[in-house]
Protein backbone atom coordinates (compact mmCIF):
# COMPACT_ATOMS: atom_id res chain seq x y z
CA MET A 1 65.51 99.56 170.66
CA PRO A 2 68.68 98.24 169.01
CA VAL A 3 70.56 100.74 166.71
CA TRP A 4 70.10 98.84 163.73
CA LEU A 5 66.43 99.11 164.02
CA ARG A 6 66.55 102.96 164.40
CA SER A 7 68.56 103.12 161.21
CA ARG A 8 67.00 104.52 158.14
CA LEU A 9 68.29 101.69 156.03
CA ASP A 10 65.46 99.17 155.43
CA PRO A 11 66.92 95.56 155.12
CA VAL A 12 64.09 94.32 152.86
CA GLU A 13 64.72 97.38 150.51
CA LEU A 14 68.33 96.72 150.60
CA LEU A 15 67.94 92.93 149.77
CA ILE A 16 65.62 93.65 146.92
CA ARG A 17 67.83 96.45 145.54
CA LEU A 18 70.83 94.06 145.75
CA VAL A 19 68.87 91.13 143.98
CA LEU A 20 67.30 93.47 141.28
CA GLY A 21 70.36 95.62 140.54
CA GLY A 22 72.51 92.67 140.48
CA THR A 23 70.28 90.94 138.17
CA PHE A 24 70.13 93.77 135.77
CA ILE A 25 74.00 94.23 136.00
CA PHE A 26 74.48 90.52 135.17
CA SER A 27 71.89 90.48 132.38
CA GLY A 28 73.49 93.64 130.76
CA ILE A 29 77.07 92.07 130.91
CA TYR A 30 75.79 88.76 129.63
CA LYS A 31 74.17 90.53 126.62
CA ILE A 32 77.20 92.89 125.76
CA ARG A 33 79.54 89.96 125.64
CA ASP A 34 77.95 88.69 122.44
CA PRO A 35 75.77 91.31 120.80
CA GLN A 36 75.24 89.37 117.60
CA ALA A 37 73.82 86.45 119.56
CA PHE A 38 71.62 88.79 121.37
CA GLU A 39 70.42 90.39 118.16
CA LEU A 40 69.48 86.90 116.79
CA ILE A 41 67.60 86.22 119.98
CA ILE A 42 65.63 89.35 119.64
CA ARG A 43 64.96 88.48 115.99
CA ASN A 44 63.63 85.07 117.02
CA TYR A 45 60.87 86.75 119.11
CA LYS A 46 59.42 88.07 115.83
CA ILE A 47 57.94 91.20 117.55
CA LEU A 48 60.23 93.96 116.08
CA GLY A 49 61.25 94.99 112.58
CA ASP A 50 64.83 95.08 111.45
CA PRO A 51 65.90 98.68 112.35
CA PHE A 52 64.42 98.23 115.83
CA ILE A 53 66.05 94.88 116.28
CA ALA A 54 69.57 96.30 115.89
CA LEU A 55 68.62 99.31 117.91
CA THR A 56 67.27 97.23 120.76
CA ALA A 57 70.40 94.99 120.59
CA VAL A 58 72.66 98.01 121.10
CA THR A 59 70.78 99.97 123.62
CA LEU A 60 69.23 97.48 125.92
CA PRO A 61 72.43 95.93 127.51
CA PRO A 62 73.94 99.32 128.52
CA LEU A 63 70.49 100.54 129.85
CA GLU A 64 70.38 97.29 131.95
CA LEU A 65 73.86 98.05 133.21
CA ILE A 66 72.87 101.75 134.12
CA ILE A 67 69.55 100.76 135.79
CA GLY A 68 71.29 97.99 137.87
CA SER A 69 74.03 100.36 138.92
CA CYS A 70 71.62 103.14 139.79
CA LEU A 71 69.54 100.62 141.87
CA LEU A 72 72.70 99.39 143.77
CA LEU A 73 74.12 102.90 144.38
CA ARG A 74 70.74 104.57 145.01
CA VAL A 75 71.39 107.09 142.42
CA ILE A 76 68.64 108.49 140.36
CA TYR A 77 66.69 105.91 142.44
CA LYS A 78 63.04 106.62 141.65
CA GLY A 79 63.72 106.72 137.89
CA ALA A 80 65.78 103.52 137.97
CA VAL A 81 63.05 101.72 139.97
CA PHE A 82 60.47 102.87 137.55
CA LEU A 83 62.53 101.86 134.45
CA SER A 84 63.30 98.52 135.91
CA LEU A 85 59.58 97.93 136.67
CA LEU A 86 58.70 99.04 133.03
CA LEU A 87 61.50 96.85 131.49
CA LEU A 88 60.20 93.76 133.57
CA ILE A 89 56.60 94.34 132.39
CA THR A 90 57.85 94.52 128.88
CA PHE A 91 59.90 91.30 129.22
CA ILE A 92 56.87 89.50 130.74
CA ALA A 93 54.66 90.68 127.83
CA SER A 94 57.26 89.69 125.27
CA LEU A 95 57.52 86.06 126.77
CA ALA A 96 53.82 85.79 127.07
CA SER A 97 53.52 86.49 123.35
CA LEU A 98 55.85 83.74 122.61
CA ILE A 99 53.60 81.22 124.56
CA ILE A 100 50.43 82.72 122.90
CA ARG A 101 51.85 82.53 119.35
CA GLY A 102 53.29 79.11 120.04
CA ILE A 103 56.81 80.05 119.42
CA ASP A 104 59.41 78.00 121.40
CA ILE A 105 62.80 79.51 121.52
CA GLU A 106 65.54 79.93 124.12
CA CYS A 107 64.59 83.36 125.60
CA GLY A 108 68.14 84.63 126.08
CA CYS A 109 67.30 85.99 129.52
CA LEU A 110 70.25 85.91 131.90
CA GLY A 111 72.02 83.19 130.06
CA LEU A 112 69.87 80.59 131.99
CA ASN A 113 68.72 77.47 130.39
CA THR A 114 65.04 77.77 131.56
CA THR A 115 61.63 77.40 129.98
CA ILE A 116 59.76 80.44 128.88
CA GLN A 117 57.20 79.81 131.89
CA MET A 118 59.99 79.81 134.37
CA GLN A 119 61.49 83.01 133.01
CA ILE A 120 58.10 84.60 133.27
CA LEU A 121 57.97 83.38 136.93
CA LEU A 122 61.39 84.87 137.59
CA ASP A 123 60.40 88.18 135.87
CA LEU A 124 57.17 88.27 137.94
CA ILE A 125 59.16 87.80 141.08
CA LEU A 126 61.71 90.55 140.15
CA GLY A 127 58.73 92.89 139.14
CA LEU A 128 57.04 92.35 142.57
CA GLY A 129 60.33 93.44 144.12
CA ALA A 130 60.52 96.55 141.83
CA ALA A 131 56.94 97.26 142.50
CA TYR A 132 57.61 97.28 146.27
CA LEU A 133 60.62 99.46 145.78
CA PHE A 134 58.44 101.73 143.63
CA TYR A 135 55.67 101.94 146.15
CA PHE A 136 58.04 102.67 149.19
CA ALA A 137 60.19 105.10 147.24
CA ASN A 138 57.11 107.18 146.49
CA ARG A 139 55.60 106.70 149.92
CA THR A 140 58.73 107.92 151.87
CA SER A 141 58.88 111.09 149.71
CA ILE A 142 55.07 111.74 150.36
CA LEU A 143 55.57 111.11 154.03
CA ARG A 144 58.44 113.51 154.22
CA LEU A 145 56.20 116.22 152.52
CA LEU A 146 53.48 115.73 154.89
CA LYS A 147 55.80 116.08 157.95
CA ARG A 148 56.89 119.57 156.81
């Protein structure tokens, strides 16, 4: 058996961590660069009230940076995976609410010029990756407990 197969590093997990963590870091940097534009985007969703719009605009980008960094560095890993999954579910629900309410805006996600439906698809793919990481992060810890 080759050495790289005996390694504890799962290449699928590493790829998902790189993509998911990198996406969260990129998204956080993109939103931090122009907080007023990000606040306007949140306002256009028409979901939150005024005090919560500003709070979200100030806290979400640093949170995305922290989550992305934790995923890449595998620090506070289970919490970062759980929060990334929770955020992606929230993003998908927010985007779906736009479609249901017939609001057509630029979503402000990742700085991409995509439709809301395409952004939901991207978030679903990232969410599946986060779910994979969440399942295997918890599974490995359970397996370690069973071996004791």
